[in-house]
Amino acid sequence: MPNHTELLELLLTNRGIKPKDREKFLNPLYEEHLYDPFLMKDMERAVVRIFESIEAKEKIVIYSDYDCDGIPAAVIMNDFFTKIGYKNFSIYIPDRHDEGYGLHSDAVKQFIDDEVKLLITFDLGITAVNEVAQAQAAGVDIIITDHHLPQETIPRAFAVIDPKQDGCEYPDKMLCGAGLAFKLVQAMLIKYGEYFKISNGWEKWLLDMAGLATLADQVPLVDENRVFAYYGLKVLQKARRPGLAEIFRKAGVDASKLNEEDITFTLAPRLNAASRMGDPMRAFEVLATTNGLEARTLADHLVKLNDERKQTVARIMKDVKKTLSKREDKSIIVIGNPSWRVGILGLVASKIAEEYKRSVFVWGSEGSDLPAQAGIIRGSCRGWGNVNLVDIMNSLPENSLLAFGGHKSAGGFSVSHTEIHFLEERLLTVFDGINNTKEENPLINIDASISIDDLTIDNYNVIERLAPFGIGNPKPTFLFEDLPITSVKEFGKDKNHLELMFTNKYGRPAKAIVFFKNRQSFGRSISAGERINLTATFEKSTFGGRTELRLRIVDII
């Protein structure tokens, strides 16, 4: 292992952090390292229109997505309007099953009937050309805030705040939806904070929501996003929101020691369970409430929904394994059932891709009950290896899909009942035409080859200087070669977690664990006395009030 200075230098170099940017990366400063929100195209226009709407006491609707980005964005706006004492606003979050993602014409019609004058979208709207035209024609001004990639035609909204649009010179193009909500409030306070008698720096309390979404939505944790994640965690650790405090308490998480994994593996799944299994407004309410009793009730409800979600995913995975065991092995997996719940198909697709090392398309229709949705099947897809799912869906014969979208390795689609029967054959044809080689396991980036003797608190502290970790700033991963196993144990209620023990040169034990894998999961024999090559990350566990430094297994070779 290099010395501490060399280790830090190595980790920064591996992440592409240039020498001139290292101080900013290691020690982000709120006052110095956030950009002027008015560098964003249309920001001035947007805040003036919001101020005019407030002055005229117009009816305002905050329209946000139903996930762990859109909902925190809605909470940021809710907190802002509450702080200034403005009451003539409402929150609208579309139903994942009945409406699906995006700005919907039926909802816009209702806003027109309700005499709404200003509609502000968060984490959606950049492709809603027709819906925006519908609203604007009826006298409803729309301000779009979205971080998704614009298409050729941008909606003719009153203002469009999207750093990815042409002509926007904002330095950081990769903010999430709640990050943009924070920038909007920041701009409002720069321009009108004194008028609203809001003390300087109040907006820092909103960083918990910007940080939560930045971590949960998996945007790159560099530049301004790093500031949001870094300070967002500090605010989250104060657990000022009763609903968050209740969720962490029920999950056994010490909020004062909160890290990024507690957000992605504990908080985000419980918040997302609201839209996957029920009403997304419950997730909004648990974040926004200031009432302790209501917080407990809402947190209990989300925990229950999350448990139902786990059971439903497990049941579907059992069906998947049974079905695939009888099928011929193909280069891509296409599987579905009308009884499978639409809201959890992304989770199922991720599990299938991980387990079968294949790109996968999963479909279902349970939960889509609106008459408008009759005859429509919805699905999710996840990629494995270097496959580009959007390219594959784009290359299908015309009318194969009713709609689709997403990123290179994750997406969603809808298909008619008549066309679903041909989907597998068409996807296989396109996939095999594009991919002539077998999909490979995505490469694990190794930062350095080290010894088990290097598992020390000093080295852990060096690594933690780069936290929080995520996309664009992965947790440092190390290779331990020719490592003799002292003992092997499977633990947990279902014995579905694996623990390996080693001994360092000082005769002290060193532990490595992995969740939801056993000694058969790595395609090789794992038993005491054997020597293995191990890839792993450092972690400090405080479970049960006991602090323990250990390794988290990435792979065993």
Protein backbone atom coordinates (compact mmCIF):
# COMPACT_ATOMS: atom_id res chain seq x y z
CA MET A 1 0.00 0.00 0.00
CA PRO A 2 1.32 3.49 -0.80
CA ASN A 3 1.72 5.87 2.16
CA HIS A 4 -1.25 8.09 3.05
CA THR A 5 -0.26 11.00 0.81
CA GLU A 6 0.45 8.65 -2.11
CA LEU A 7 -2.84 6.81 -1.55
CA LEU A 8 -4.82 10.03 -1.64
CA GLU A 9 -2.94 11.15 -4.78
CA LEU A 10 -3.60 7.78 -6.44
CA LEU A 11 -7.35 7.81 -5.67
CA LEU A 12 -7.77 11.38 -6.93
CA THR A 13 -5.82 10.61 -10.13
CA ASN A 14 -7.90 7.48 -10.76
CA ARG A 15 -11.05 9.62 -10.56
CA GLY A 16 -9.74 12.18 -13.02
CA ILE A 17 -9.56 14.97 -10.43
CA LYS A 18 -6.97 17.40 -11.76
CA PRO A 19 -4.45 19.00 -9.35
CA LYS A 20 -6.08 22.42 -9.72
CA ASP A 21 -9.49 20.99 -8.69
CA ARG A 22 -8.36 18.84 -5.75
CA GLU A 23 -8.77 21.36 -2.97
CA LYS A 24 -12.31 22.10 -4.13
CA PHE A 25 -13.05 18.38 -4.37
CA LEU A 26 -11.68 17.45 -0.94
CA ASN A 27 -12.99 20.52 0.87
CA PRO A 28 -16.14 21.80 -0.87
CA LEU A 29 -17.26 25.20 0.39
CA TYR A 30 -20.90 26.24 0.18
CA GLU A 31 -20.21 29.94 -0.31
CA GLU A 32 -17.42 29.50 -2.86
CA HIS A 33 -18.27 26.40 -4.86
CA LEU A 34 -21.92 26.91 -5.82
CA TYR A 35 -22.55 28.71 -9.10
CA ASP A 36 -24.67 31.81 -9.58
CA PRO A 37 -28.17 30.47 -10.37
CA PHE A 38 -28.73 33.33 -12.81
CA LEU A 39 -26.17 31.74 -15.15
CA MET A 40 -29.01 29.32 -15.96
CA LYS A 41 -30.93 30.22 -19.10
CA ASP A 42 -34.42 31.62 -18.29
CA MET A 43 -33.77 31.76 -14.53
CA GLU A 44 -34.33 35.53 -14.33
CA ARG A 45 -37.56 35.18 -16.34
CA ALA A 46 -38.74 32.34 -14.09
CA VAL A 47 -38.18 34.06 -10.74
CA VAL A 48 -39.80 37.31 -11.89
CA ARG A 49 -42.90 35.35 -13.04
CA ILE A 50 -43.09 33.47 -9.72
CA PHE A 51 -42.78 36.75 -7.78
CA GLU A 52 -45.55 38.32 -9.87
CA SER A 53 -47.74 35.26 -9.25
CA ILE A 54 -47.17 35.53 -5.50
CA GLU A 55 -47.94 39.26 -5.51
CA ALA A 56 -51.16 38.67 -7.47
CA LYS A 57 -52.10 35.74 -5.17
CA GLU A 58 -52.52 33.49 -8.20
CA LYS A 59 -53.15 29.78 -7.90
CA ILE A 60 -49.82 27.93 -8.40
CA VAL A 61 -49.31 24.21 -8.97
CA ILE A 62 -46.02 22.41 -8.28
CA TYR A 63 -46.03 19.40 -10.63
CA SER A 64 -43.24 16.93 -9.83
CA ASP A 65 -42.21 13.40 -10.73
CA TYR A 66 -43.08 10.52 -8.38
CA ASP A 67 -39.53 9.33 -7.67
CA CYS A 68 -36.79 10.16 -5.17
CA ASP A 69 -35.79 13.20 -7.22
CA GLY A 70 -39.10 14.81 -8.09
CA ILE A 71 -40.57 14.39 -4.61
CA PRO A 72 -37.67 16.11 -2.77
CA ALA A 73 -37.93 18.90 -5.38
CA ALA A 74 -41.60 19.34 -4.46
CA VAL A 75 -40.63 19.45 -0.76
CA ILE A 76 -38.09 22.21 -1.46
CA MET A 77 -40.78 24.31 -3.14
CA ASN A 78 -43.31 23.49 -0.41
CA ASP A 79 -40.84 24.65 2.24
CA PHE A 80 -40.12 27.85 0.34
CA PHE A 81 -43.79 28.81 -0.10
CA THR A 82 -44.50 27.91 3.53
CA LYS A 83 -41.55 30.02 4.69
CA ILE A 84 -42.84 33.13 2.90
CA GLY A 85 -46.40 32.45 4.11
CA TYR A 86 -47.86 31.83 0.64
CA LYS A 87 -50.83 29.45 0.76
CA ASN A 88 -52.44 29.52 -2.70
CA PHE A 89 -50.38 26.64 -4.09
CA SER A 90 -50.80 22.88 -4.36
CA ILE A 91 -48.59 19.87 -5.05
CA TYR A 92 -49.45 17.47 -7.88
CA ILE A 93 -47.57 14.19 -8.28
CA PRO A 94 -48.82 11.87 -11.07
CA ASP A 95 -49.66 8.27 -10.23
CA ARG A 96 -46.95 5.88 -11.46
CA HIS A 97 -49.49 3.22 -12.51
CA ASP A 98 -52.52 5.14 -13.73
CA GLU A 99 -50.76 8.08 -15.37
CA GLY A 100 -47.10 7.17 -15.71
CA TYR A 101 -44.19 9.56 -16.06
CA GLY A 102 -44.56 13.09 -17.39
CA LEU A 103 -46.90 16.03 -17.77
CA HIS A 104 -50.35 14.73 -18.71
CA SER A 105 -53.07 16.34 -20.78
CA ASP A 106 -55.88 15.25 -18.41
CA ALA A 107 -54.10 16.88 -15.48
CA VAL A 108 -53.52 20.07 -17.48
CA LYS A 109 -57.23 20.18 -18.36
CA GLN A 110 -58.08 19.93 -14.66
CA PHE A 111 -55.67 22.78 -13.84
CA ILE A 112 -57.33 24.93 -16.52
CA ASP A 113 -60.78 24.15 -15.02
CA ASP A 114 -59.42 25.02 -11.56
CA GLU A 115 -58.20 28.43 -12.83
CA VAL A 116 -54.54 27.73 -12.10
CA LYS A 117 -52.40 30.58 -13.42
CA LEU A 118 -48.87 29.20 -12.97
CA LEU A 119 -47.65 25.62 -13.28
CA ILE A 120 -44.05 24.75 -12.38
CA THR A 121 -42.71 21.31 -13.30
CA PHE A 122 -39.84 19.49 -11.60
CA ASP A 123 -37.87 16.55 -13.01
CA LEU A 124 -40.13 16.42 -16.08
CA GLY A 125 -41.66 18.52 -18.86
CA ILE A 126 -38.82 19.05 -21.31
CA THR A 127 -40.53 16.81 -23.91
CA ALA A 128 -44.15 17.87 -23.14
CA VAL A 129 -44.59 20.03 -26.27
CA ASN A 130 -48.34 19.43 -26.75
CA GLU A 131 -49.28 19.62 -23.06
CA VAL A 132 -47.43 22.91 -22.63
CA ALA A 133 -49.15 24.34 -25.72
CA GLN A 134 -52.49 23.22 -24.29
CA ALA A 135 -51.84 25.02 -21.00
CA GLN A 136 -50.36 28.20 -22.47
CA ALA A 137 -53.25 28.52 -24.93
CA ALA A 138 -55.69 28.47 -21.99
CA GLY A 139 -53.81 31.16 -20.08
CA VAL A 140 -51.80 28.92 -17.75
CA ASP A 141 -48.13 29.92 -17.74
CA ILE A 142 -45.70 27.03 -17.41
CA ILE A 143 -42.19 27.12 -16.02
CA ILE A 144 -40.38 23.88 -16.84
CA THR A 145 -37.49 22.76 -14.66
CA ASP A 146 -36.03 19.50 -15.89
CA HIS A 147 -32.60 17.88 -16.15
CA HIS A 148 -33.38 15.38 -18.90
CA LEU A 149 -32.05 15.73 -22.42
CA PRO A 150 -34.26 17.95 -24.62
CA GLN A 151 -35.53 16.61 -27.93
CA GLU A 152 -35.38 18.56 -31.19
CA THR A 153 -38.45 20.63 -30.29
CA ILE A 154 -38.46 22.36 -26.90
CA PRO A 155 -41.88 23.20 -25.40
CA ARG A 156 -42.87 26.85 -25.79
CA ALA A 157 -43.24 27.38 -22.06
CA PHE A 158 -43.02 30.75 -20.32
CA ALA A 159 -39.57 29.70 -19.08
CA VAL A 160 -37.47 26.57 -19.52
CA ILE A 161 -34.80 25.82 -16.92
CA ASP A 162 -32.74 22.87 -18.14
CA PRO A 163 -28.93 23.11 -18.17
CA LYS A 164 -28.80 20.62 -21.07
CA GLN A 165 -30.75 22.84 -23.48
CA ASP A 166 -28.96 24.70 -26.27
CA GLY A 167 -27.91 28.19 -25.28
CA CYS A 168 -27.67 27.46 -21.55
CA GLU A 169 -24.20 28.37 -20.32
CA TYR A 170 -24.60 26.97 -16.81
CA PRO A 171 -21.26 25.34 -15.88
CA ASP A 172 -22.69 22.12 -14.38
CA LYS A 173 -24.98 20.32 -16.83
CA MET A 174 -25.60 17.31 -14.58
CA LEU A 175 -27.80 18.61 -11.76
CA CYS A 176 -30.78 16.47 -10.75
CA GLY A 177 -34.37 17.74 -10.55
CA ALA A 178 -34.18 18.67 -6.85
CA GLY A 179 -30.83 20.34 -7.52
CA LEU A 180 -32.62 22.61 -9.99
CA ALA A 181 -35.39 23.25 -7.45
CA PHE A 182 -32.71 24.35 -4.99
CA LYS A 183 -31.16 26.68 -7.61
CA LEU A 184 -34.62 28.17 -8.28
CA VAL A 185 -35.17 28.92 -4.58
CA GLN A 186 -31.60 30.22 -4.31
CA ALA A 187 -32.33 32.61 -7.18
CA MET A 188 -35.62 33.71 -5.58
CA LEU A 189 -33.81 34.53 -2.34
CA ILE A 190 -30.97 36.39 -4.05
CA LYS A 191 -33.51 38.60 -5.81
CA TYR A 192 -36.36 38.79 -3.29
CA GLY A 193 -35.05 37.35 0.00
CA GLU A 194 -34.91 40.76 1.68
CA TYR A 195 -38.45 41.54 0.48
CA PHE A 196 -39.73 38.29 1.99
CA LYS A 197 -37.71 38.96 5.19
CA ILE A 198 -35.84 35.64 4.92
CA SER A 199 -32.53 35.59 6.78
CA ASN A 200 -29.41 35.03 4.73
CA GLY A 201 -28.47 31.35 4.52
CA TRP A 202 -31.92 29.93 5.38
CA GLU A 203 -31.88 27.95 2.12
CA LYS A 204 -29.05 25.76 3.50
CA TRP A 205 -31.71 23.80 5.41
CA LEU A 206 -33.08 22.73 2.00
CA LEU A 207 -29.79 21.03 1.16
CA ASP A 208 -31.05 17.83 2.83
CA MET A 209 -33.56 17.44 -0.01
CA ALA A 210 -31.10 18.48 -2.73
CA GLY A 211 -28.51 16.07 -1.29
CA LEU A 212 -31.00 13.21 -0.89
CA ALA A 213 -32.07 13.49 -4.54
CA THR A 214 -28.51 13.97 -5.82
CA LEU A 215 -27.49 10.69 -4.15
CA ALA A 216 -30.70 8.77 -4.94
CA ASP A 217 -30.94 9.84 -8.60
CA GLN A 218 -27.34 8.77 -9.25
CA VAL A 219 -26.12 11.88 -11.02
CA PRO A 220 -22.30 12.33 -11.14
CA LEU A 221 -21.01 13.36 -7.71
CA VAL A 222 -18.58 15.96 -9.00
CA ASP A 223 -18.66 19.74 -9.37
CA GLU A 224 -21.83 21.32 -7.90
CA ASN A 225 -23.43 17.93 -7.25
CA ARG A 226 -20.58 17.13 -4.87
CA VAL A 227 -21.40 20.26 -2.89
CA PHE A 228 -25.08 19.23 -2.71
CA ALA A 229 -24.23 15.67 -1.62
CA TYR A 230 -21.52 16.77 0.85
CA TYR A 231 -23.58 19.41 2.63
CA GLY A 232 -26.84 17.57 2.08
CA LEU A 233 -25.55 14.70 4.22
CA LYS A 234 -24.52 17.16 6.94
CA VAL A 235 -28.07 18.57 7.09
CA LEU A 236 -29.62 15.07 6.90
CA GLN A 237 -27.46 14.02 9.88
CA LYS A 238 -29.26 16.65 11.96
CA ALA A 239 -32.56 14.78 11.30
CA ARG A 240 -34.62 17.98 11.52
CA ARG A 241 -37.52 16.48 9.58
CA PRO A 242 -39.67 14.29 11.86
CA GLY A 243 -40.57 11.91 9.02
CA LEU A 244 -36.94 11.25 8.14
CA ALA A 245 -36.06 10.76 11.81
CA GLU A 246 -38.83 8.15 12.10
CA ILE A 247 -37.73 6.27 8.98
CA PHE A 248 -34.14 6.11 10.19
CA ARG A 249 -35.23 5.07 13.69
CA LYS A 250 -37.38 2.23 12.35
CA ALA A 251 -34.52 1.08 10.08
CA GLY A 252 -32.01 1.12 12.95
CA VAL A 253 -29.90 3.83 11.29
CA ASP A 254 -28.05 6.32 13.48
CA ALA A 255 -28.89 9.58 11.68
CA SER A 256 -25.89 11.37 13.18
CA LYS A 257 -23.57 8.92 11.35
CA LEU A 258 -25.57 8.86 8.11
CA ASN A 259 -23.68 8.10 4.88
CA GLU A 260 -24.53 7.79 1.20
CA GLU A 261 -25.33 4.07 1.48
CA ASP A 262 -27.99 4.80 4.10
CA ILE A 263 -29.64 7.07 1.53
CA THR A 264 -29.46 4.68 -1.43
CA PHE A 265 -30.22 1.42 0.44
CA THR A 266 -32.45 2.54 3.32
CA LEU A 267 -34.19 5.85 2.66
CA ALA A 268 -34.67 5.90 -1.12
CA PRO A 269 -36.33 2.42 -1.34
CA ARG A 270 -38.84 3.38 1.36
CA LEU A 271 -39.68 6.67 -0.33
CA ASN A 272 -39.96 5.01 -3.75
CA ALA A 273 -42.21 2.30 -2.27
CA ALA A 274 -44.95 4.93 -2.04
CA SER A 275 -45.24 5.28 -5.83
CA ARG A 276 -44.41 1.64 -6.60
CA MET A 277 -47.04 0.19 -4.28
CA GLY A 278 -49.44 3.05 -3.53
CA ASP A 279 -49.78 6.85 -3.60
CA PRO A 280 -46.59 8.93 -4.09
CA MET A 281 -48.12 11.74 -2.02
CA ARG A 282 -47.39 9.67 1.11
CA ALA A 283 -43.64 10.02 0.39
CA PHE A 284 -44.05 13.77 -0.09
CA GLU A 285 -45.99 14.05 3.16
CA VAL A 286 -43.46 12.09 5.22
CA LEU A 287 -40.71 14.48 4.07
CA ALA A 288 -42.75 17.66 4.38
CA THR A 289 -44.61 17.11 7.66
CA THR A 290 -43.59 18.97 10.81
CA ASN A 291 -45.97 16.95 12.99
CA GLY A 292 -44.35 14.17 15.01
CA LEU A 293 -47.49 12.01 15.31
CA GLU A 294 -48.22 12.30 11.58
CA ALA A 295 -44.56 11.49 10.87
CA ARG A 296 -44.81 8.22 12.82
CA THR A 297 -48.01 7.19 11.03
CA LEU A 298 -46.60 8.00 7.60
CA ALA A 299 -43.25 6.31 8.31
CA ASP A 300 -45.10 3.17 9.49
CA HIS A 301 -47.10 3.20 6.25
CA LEU A 302 -43.96 3.49 4.08
CA VAL A 303 -42.20 0.71 5.98
CA LYS A 304 -45.26 -1.51 5.43
CA LEU A 305 -45.35 -0.65 1.72
CA ASN A 306 -41.63 -1.36 1.42
CA ASP A 307 -42.10 -4.76 3.04
CA GLU A 308 -44.92 -5.49 0.57
CA ARG A 309 -42.65 -4.37 -2.24
CA LYS A 310 -39.92 -6.78 -1.15
CA GLN A 311 -42.40 -9.66 -0.93
CA THR A 312 -43.85 -8.86 -4.35
CA VAL A 313 -40.40 -8.67 -5.98
CA ALA A 314 -39.41 -11.97 -4.33
CA ARG A 315 -42.60 -13.63 -5.59
CA ILE A 316 -42.04 -12.39 -9.14
CA MET A 317 -38.38 -13.48 -9.05
CA LYS A 318 -39.53 -16.96 -8.03
CA ASP A 319 -41.81 -17.01 -11.11
CA VAL A 320 -38.97 -15.71 -13.29
CA LYS A 321 -36.55 -18.43 -12.19
CA LYS A 322 -39.17 -21.14 -12.70
CA THR A 323 -39.95 -19.86 -16.21
CA LEU A 324 -36.34 -19.35 -17.29
CA SER A 325 -35.31 -22.80 -16.03
CA LYS A 326 -37.58 -24.31 -18.69
CA ARG A 327 -36.44 -21.99 -21.49
CA GLU A 328 -33.61 -22.19 -23.97
CA ASP A 329 -30.77 -19.82 -23.02
CA LYS A 330 -30.89 -16.77 -25.32
CA SER A 331 -28.73 -13.68 -25.75
CA ILE A 332 -31.36 -11.38 -24.24
CA ILE A 333 -34.16 -12.06 -21.75
CA VAL A 334 -37.72 -10.95 -22.53
CA ILE A 335 -40.22 -12.00 -19.87
CA GLY A 336 -43.51 -10.80 -18.45
CA ASN A 337 -46.91 -11.53 -17.01
CA PRO A 338 -50.08 -9.40 -17.01
CA SER A 339 -50.34 -9.93 -13.24
CA TRP A 340 -46.94 -8.34 -12.52
CA ARG A 341 -47.12 -4.91 -10.94
CA VAL A 342 -45.82 -2.17 -13.23
CA GLY A 343 -44.25 -0.06 -10.47
CA ILE A 344 -41.68 -2.67 -9.45
CA LEU A 345 -40.63 -3.99 -12.87
CA GLY A 346 -37.45 -1.89 -12.83
CA LEU A 347 -36.37 -3.59 -9.62
CA VAL A 348 -37.16 -7.01 -11.08
CA ALA A 349 -35.28 -6.20 -14.29
CA SER A 350 -32.19 -5.15 -12.28
CA LYS A 351 -32.23 -8.40 -10.30
CA ILE A 352 -32.60 -10.52 -13.45
CA ALA A 353 -29.77 -8.69 -15.24
CA GLU A 354 -27.48 -9.13 -12.24
CA GLU A 355 -28.33 -12.80 -11.72
CA TYR A 356 -28.39 -13.97 -15.34
CA LYS A 357 -25.73 -11.60 -16.73
CA ARG A 358 -28.02 -10.63 -19.61
CA SER A 359 -29.85 -7.54 -20.81
CA VAL A 360 -33.50 -7.91 -19.91
CA PHE A 361 -36.94 -6.56 -20.85
CA VAL A 362 -39.70 -7.19 -18.28
CA TRP A 363 -43.38 -6.37 -18.82
CA GLY A 364 -46.61 -6.38 -16.85
CA SER A 365 -49.90 -4.53 -16.54
CA GLU A 366 -51.19 -4.95 -12.98
CA GLY A 367 -51.90 -1.59 -11.40
CA SER A 368 -52.68 0.31 -14.64
CA ASP A 369 -56.41 0.67 -14.15
CA LEU A 370 -57.41 3.82 -16.03
CA PRO A 371 -59.64 3.29 -19.09
CA ALA A 372 -57.07 5.29 -21.09
CA GLN A 373 -54.54 2.59 -20.28
CA ALA A 374 -56.72 -0.30 -21.44
CA GLY A 375 -54.88 -2.52 -23.88
CA ILE A 376 -51.48 -1.11 -22.94
CA ILE A 377 -48.70 -3.17 -21.39
CA ARG A 378 -45.82 -1.35 -19.69
CA GLY A 379 -42.32 -2.54 -18.98
CA SER A 380 -38.79 -1.79 -17.81
CA CYS A 381 -35.44 -2.81 -19.25
CA ARG A 382 -31.93 -3.04 -17.84
CA GLY A 383 -28.70 -3.51 -19.77
CA TRP A 384 -25.74 -5.76 -19.08
CA GLY A 385 -22.28 -5.05 -20.42
CA ASN A 386 -21.90 -2.40 -23.10
CA VAL A 387 -25.34 -2.72 -24.64
CA ASN A 388 -27.27 0.50 -25.43
CA LEU A 389 -30.95 -0.15 -24.73
CA VAL A 390 -32.18 3.05 -26.36
CA ASP A 391 -30.38 2.09 -29.61
CA ILE A 392 -32.00 -1.35 -29.49
CA MET A 393 -35.52 0.04 -28.95
CA ASN A 394 -34.90 2.65 -31.63
CA SER A 395 -33.97 -0.11 -34.11
CA LEU A 396 -37.16 -2.15 -33.66
CA PRO A 397 -39.64 -2.27 -36.56
CA GLU A 398 -42.10 0.62 -36.60
CA ASN A 399 -45.08 0.23 -34.23
CA SER A 400 -43.33 -2.48 -32.18
CA LEU A 401 -43.53 -0.20 -29.14
CA LEU A 402 -46.08 2.49 -28.34
CA ALA A 403 -43.47 4.55 -26.48
CA PHE A 404 -40.04 4.17 -24.93
CA GLY A 405 -37.28 6.15 -23.30
CA GLY A 406 -34.42 6.04 -20.85
CA HIS A 407 -30.66 5.89 -20.74
CA LYS A 408 -28.05 3.56 -22.18
CA SER A 409 -28.47 0.89 -19.50
CA ALA A 410 -31.95 1.51 -18.08
CA GLY A 411 -35.25 2.40 -19.65
CA GLY A 412 -39.00 1.96 -19.88
CA PHE A 413 -41.41 1.07 -22.67
CA SER A 414 -45.06 0.45 -23.46
CA VAL A 415 -46.49 -1.99 -25.96
CA SER A 416 -49.97 -3.02 -27.16
CA HIS A 417 -51.55 -6.38 -26.31
CA THR A 418 -51.36 -7.40 -29.95
CA GLU A 419 -47.69 -6.54 -30.40
CA ILE A 420 -46.44 -8.08 -27.14
CA HIS A 421 -46.46 -11.56 -28.75
CA PHE A 422 -43.77 -10.46 -31.24
CA LEU A 423 -41.60 -8.46 -28.83
CA GLU A 424 -39.12 -11.18 -27.87
CA GLU A 425 -38.43 -12.25 -31.45
CA ARG A 426 -37.98 -8.66 -32.63
CA LEU A 427 -35.71 -7.71 -29.73
CA LEU A 428 -33.55 -10.81 -30.26
CA THR A 429 -33.20 -10.04 -33.97
CA VAL A 430 -32.13 -6.44 -33.31
CA PHE A 431 -29.93 -7.34 -30.36
CA ASP A 432 -28.08 -10.12 -32.16
CA GLY A 433 -27.59 -7.83 -35.17
CA ILE A 434 -26.04 -5.08 -33.05
CA ASN A 435 -24.12 -7.33 -30.64
CA ASN A 436 -22.06 -10.02 -32.32
CA THR A 437 -20.13 -10.77 -29.15
CA LYS A 438 -21.34 -12.20 -25.87
CA GLU A 439 -22.18 -9.56 -23.28
CA GLU A 440 -19.39 -9.21 -20.79
CA ASN A 441 -19.58 -8.46 -17.11
CA PRO A 442 -19.05 -4.71 -16.65
CA LEU A 443 -15.42 -4.19 -15.67
CA ILE A 444 -14.59 -3.61 -12.02
CA ASN A 445 -12.20 -0.67 -11.73
CA ILE A 446 -9.43 -1.56 -9.30
CA ASP A 447 -7.68 1.36 -7.61
CA ALA A 448 -4.72 -0.63 -6.29
CA SER A 449 -3.50 -4.08 -5.32
CA ILE A 450 -2.94 -4.15 -1.54
CA SER A 451 -2.46 -6.55 1.38
CA ILE A 452 -4.94 -7.57 4.08
CA ASP A 453 -2.48 -5.87 6.47
CA ASP A 454 -3.52 -2.55 4.88
CA LEU A 455 -7.04 -2.80 6.32
CA THR A 456 -6.39 -0.06 8.89
CA ILE A 457 -8.36 2.84 10.30
CA ASP A 458 -5.72 5.30 9.00
CA ASN A 459 -6.21 4.07 5.42
CA TYR A 460 -9.99 4.11 5.90
CA ASN A 461 -9.78 7.77 6.99
CA VAL A 462 -7.80 8.63 3.82
CA ILE A 463 -10.44 6.93 1.65
CA GLU A 464 -13.27 8.72 3.48
CA ARG A 465 -11.83 12.10 2.49
CA LEU A 466 -13.30 11.40 -0.98
CA ALA A 467 -16.81 10.64 0.35
CA PRO A 468 -19.68 10.80 -0.47
CA PHE A 469 -19.29 8.17 -3.17
CA GLY A 470 -21.45 7.42 -6.19
CA ILE A 471 -21.55 7.86 -9.96
CA GLY A 472 -18.47 9.76 -11.15
CA ASN A 473 -16.78 9.21 -7.78
CA PRO A 474 -16.92 5.45 -7.14
CA LYS A 475 -15.97 3.98 -3.79
CA PRO A 476 -12.30 2.92 -3.97
CA THR A 477 -12.01 -0.79 -4.79
CA PHE A 478 -8.90 -2.82 -4.01
CA LEU A 479 -7.52 -6.17 -5.11
CA PHE A 480 -6.26 -8.60 -2.45
CA GLU A 481 -4.30 -11.40 -4.17
CA ASP A 482 -3.66 -14.98 -3.06
CA LEU A 483 -5.49 -14.44 0.23
CA PRO A 484 -5.87 -17.54 2.47
CA ILE A 485 -9.36 -17.95 3.97
CA THR A 486 -9.43 -18.63 7.72
CA SER A 487 -13.17 -19.37 7.95
CA VAL A 488 -16.42 -19.11 5.97
CA LYS A 489 -19.87 -18.42 7.42
CA GLU A 490 -23.31 -17.75 5.98
CA PHE A 491 -25.40 -15.50 8.21
CA GLY A 492 -28.78 -13.80 8.44
CA LYS A 493 -32.24 -15.24 9.07
CA ASP A 494 -32.22 -16.99 5.68
CA LYS A 495 -28.45 -17.63 5.68
CA ASN A 496 -28.26 -15.53 2.48
CA HIS A 497 -25.28 -13.34 3.44
CA LEU A 498 -21.62 -14.39 3.34
CA GLU A 499 -18.78 -13.69 5.80
CA LEU A 500 -15.12 -14.56 5.18
CA MET A 501 -12.41 -14.28 7.81
CA PHE A 502 -8.69 -13.75 7.21
CA THR A 503 -5.66 -13.23 9.46
CA ASN A 504 -3.18 -10.39 9.01
CA LYS A 505 0.56 -10.57 9.70
CA TYR A 506 0.01 -9.46 13.28
CA GLY A 507 -2.27 -12.45 13.91
CA ARG A 508 -5.36 -10.26 14.12
CA PRO A 509 -8.60 -11.28 12.34
CA ALA A 510 -9.88 -9.35 9.31
CA LYS A 511 -13.47 -9.71 8.12
CA ALA A 512 -15.03 -9.42 4.64
CA ILE A 513 -18.78 -9.62 4.04
CA VAL A 514 -21.30 -9.46 1.21
CA PHE A 515 -25.09 -9.35 1.43
CA PHE A 516 -27.49 -11.55 -0.57
CA LYS A 517 -24.77 -13.89 -1.80
CA ASN A 518 -23.52 -17.25 -0.52
CA ARG A 519 -20.47 -19.48 -1.12
CA GLN A 520 -22.00 -20.72 -4.39
CA SER A 521 -22.52 -17.21 -5.84
CA PHE A 522 -19.04 -16.67 -7.28
CA GLY A 523 -18.64 -19.66 -9.62
CA ARG A 524 -15.78 -21.21 -7.66
CA SER A 525 -15.18 -23.15 -4.46
CA ILE A 526 -14.99 -21.04 -1.32
CA SER A 527 -13.94 -22.79 1.88
CA ALA A 528 -11.53 -22.43 4.79
CA GLY A 529 -7.90 -23.00 3.80
CA GLU A 530 -8.38 -22.00 0.16
CA ARG A 531 -6.59 -19.03 -1.38
CA ILE A 532 -8.60 -16.46 -3.32
CA ASN A 533 -8.23 -13.20 -5.18
CA LEU A 534 -10.66 -10.76 -3.63
CA THR A 535 -11.91 -7.35 -4.79
CA ALA A 536 -13.44 -5.28 -2.02
CA THR A 537 -14.05 -1.83 -0.57
CA PHE A 538 -13.36 -0.57 2.97
CA GLU A 539 -16.33 0.03 5.26
CA LYS A 540 -16.93 0.91 8.90
CA SER A 541 -19.96 -0.72 10.46
CA THR A 542 -21.66 0.68 13.57
CA PHE A 543 -24.40 -1.98 13.68
CA GLY A 544 -25.63 -2.71 17.20
CA GLY A 545 -23.61 0.16 18.61
CA ARG A 546 -20.31 -1.63 17.92
CA THR A 547 -17.79 -0.05 15.53
CA GLU A 548 -16.06 -2.49 13.20
CA LEU A 549 -13.68 -1.91 10.29
CA ARG A 550 -14.12 -4.55 7.58
CA LEU A 551 -14.17 -5.20 3.85
CA ARG A 552 -17.27 -5.27 1.65
CA ILE A 553 -16.79 -7.93 -1.03
CA VAL A 554 -17.22 -6.85 -4.66
CA ASP A 555 -16.09 -10.09 -6.31
CA ILE A 556 -14.15 -13.28 -5.63
CA ILE A 557 -11.92 -14.50 -8.45
